[in-house]
Amino acid sequence: MPESRTHTRTEPRQSTEPHVEDGWRVVVLNDPVNLMSYVVMVFKKVLGFDETKARKHMLEVHEQGRSVVWTGVRETAEAHVFTLQQWHLTAVLEPNETR
């Protein structure tokens, strides 16, 4: 007699654990010191943004007081925050809670 096989279908799990690859975000805050053109230049040099993307994030900082400029693993986020601070921008690290 042939062996009977049953196939159990499992539903994909919804994970409540944060994904390691997008668990942190780099946020640049508005300050009264840096010129808008300087902020655009820093975004291009440090984060590799093109002109359009750099200006978009600069305007978010200027008009909304903050802009999330990068999300990912903690070590890289910390390095970006440190580098942006070395360029005299006000940057902070936050857990990514938007997921």
Protein backbone atom coordinates (compact mmCIF):
# COMPACT_ATOMS: atom_id res chain seq x y z
CA MET A 1 0.00 0.00 0.00
CA PRO A 2 1.46 3.44 -0.89
CA GLU A 3 2.42 5.72 1.91
CA SER A 4 -0.10 8.41 2.62
CA ARG A 5 1.31 11.93 2.77
CA THR A 6 -0.41 14.89 4.22
CA HIS A 7 0.65 18.37 3.40
CA THR A 8 0.19 20.97 6.03
CA ARG A 9 -0.06 24.48 4.76
CA THR A 10 1.22 27.10 7.14
CA GLU A 11 0.46 30.75 6.94
CA PRO A 12 3.42 33.13 6.87
CA ARG A 13 4.11 34.60 10.28
CA GLN A 14 3.81 38.27 10.97
CA SER A 15 6.90 39.11 12.93
CA THR A 16 6.63 41.59 15.75
CA GLU A 17 10.39 41.68 16.06
CA PRO A 18 12.11 44.65 14.40
CA HIS A 19 13.98 43.86 11.22
CA VAL A 20 17.69 44.24 11.83
CA GLU A 21 18.26 45.87 8.46
CA ASP A 22 15.91 48.81 9.07
CA GLY A 23 15.84 49.16 12.83
CA TRP A 24 17.42 52.63 13.14
CA ARG A 25 17.06 55.98 11.48
CA VAL A 26 19.25 59.03 11.14
CA VAL A 27 17.34 62.26 11.68
CA VAL A 28 18.72 65.71 10.88
CA LEU A 29 17.20 68.51 12.94
CA ASN A 30 16.84 72.16 12.04
CA ASP A 31 19.33 74.64 13.47
CA PRO A 32 19.70 78.40 13.17
CA VAL A 33 23.35 78.20 12.09
CA ASN A 34 23.83 76.31 8.83
CA LEU A 35 22.95 77.74 5.44
CA MET A 36 20.58 75.73 3.27
CA SER A 37 23.22 75.43 0.54
CA TYR A 38 25.69 74.04 3.08
CA VAL A 39 23.19 71.39 4.25
CA VAL A 40 22.59 70.33 0.63
CA MET A 41 26.34 70.03 0.08
CA VAL A 42 26.78 67.90 3.24
CA PHE A 43 23.93 65.56 2.26
CA LYS A 44 25.54 65.08 -1.15
CA LYS A 45 29.03 64.45 0.24
CA VAL A 46 28.17 62.37 3.29
CA LEU A 47 25.09 60.46 2.19
CA GLY A 48 25.70 60.38 -1.56
CA PHE A 49 22.43 62.13 -2.39
CA ASP A 50 21.94 63.69 -5.78
CA GLU A 51 21.01 67.39 -5.93
CA THR A 52 17.25 66.77 -6.01
CA LYS A 53 17.20 64.38 -3.07
CA ALA A 54 19.56 66.57 -1.04
CA ARG A 55 17.37 69.64 -1.60
CA LYS A 56 14.21 67.66 -0.72
CA HIS A 57 15.65 66.60 2.64
CA MET A 58 17.09 70.06 3.30
CA LEU A 59 13.64 71.57 2.76
CA GLU A 60 12.08 69.03 5.13
CA VAL A 61 14.59 70.04 7.78
CA HIS A 62 13.95 73.73 7.13
CA GLU A 63 10.15 73.58 6.94
CA GLN A 64 9.28 70.69 9.28
CA GLY A 65 12.21 70.93 11.67
CA ARG A 66 13.51 67.44 10.90
CA SER A 67 14.11 64.91 8.15
CA VAL A 68 14.82 61.18 8.25
CA VAL A 69 17.79 60.95 5.91
CA TRP A 70 18.74 57.29 6.35
CA THR A 71 17.41 54.03 7.83
CA GLY A 72 19.20 50.77 8.42
CA VAL A 73 21.46 48.88 10.78
CA ARG A 74 22.55 50.58 13.99
CA GLU A 75 26.30 50.60 13.35
CA THR A 76 25.95 52.36 10.00
CA ALA A 77 23.35 54.76 11.41
CA GLU A 78 25.73 55.66 14.26
CA ALA A 79 28.51 56.29 11.75
CA HIS A 80 26.27 58.58 9.68
CA VAL A 81 25.18 60.52 12.78
CA PHE A 82 28.80 60.95 13.88
CA THR A 83 29.90 62.11 10.42
CA LEU A 84 26.98 64.56 10.06
CA GLN A 85 27.81 65.97 13.50
CA GLN A 86 31.44 66.40 12.42
CA TRP A 87 30.07 68.55 9.59
CA HIS A 88 28.23 70.58 12.29
CA LEU A 89 24.72 69.37 11.47
CA THR A 90 22.39 68.46 14.31
CA ALA A 91 21.81 64.75 13.71
CA VAL A 92 20.36 62.15 16.05
CA LEU A 93 19.84 58.39 16.06
CA GLU A 94 16.33 57.05 16.68
CA PRO A 95 14.80 53.59 16.68
CA ASN A 96 12.67 53.10 13.59
CA GLU A 97 9.15 52.72 15.00
CA THR A 98 7.27 53.28 11.73
CA ARG A 99 7.11 49.57 10.88
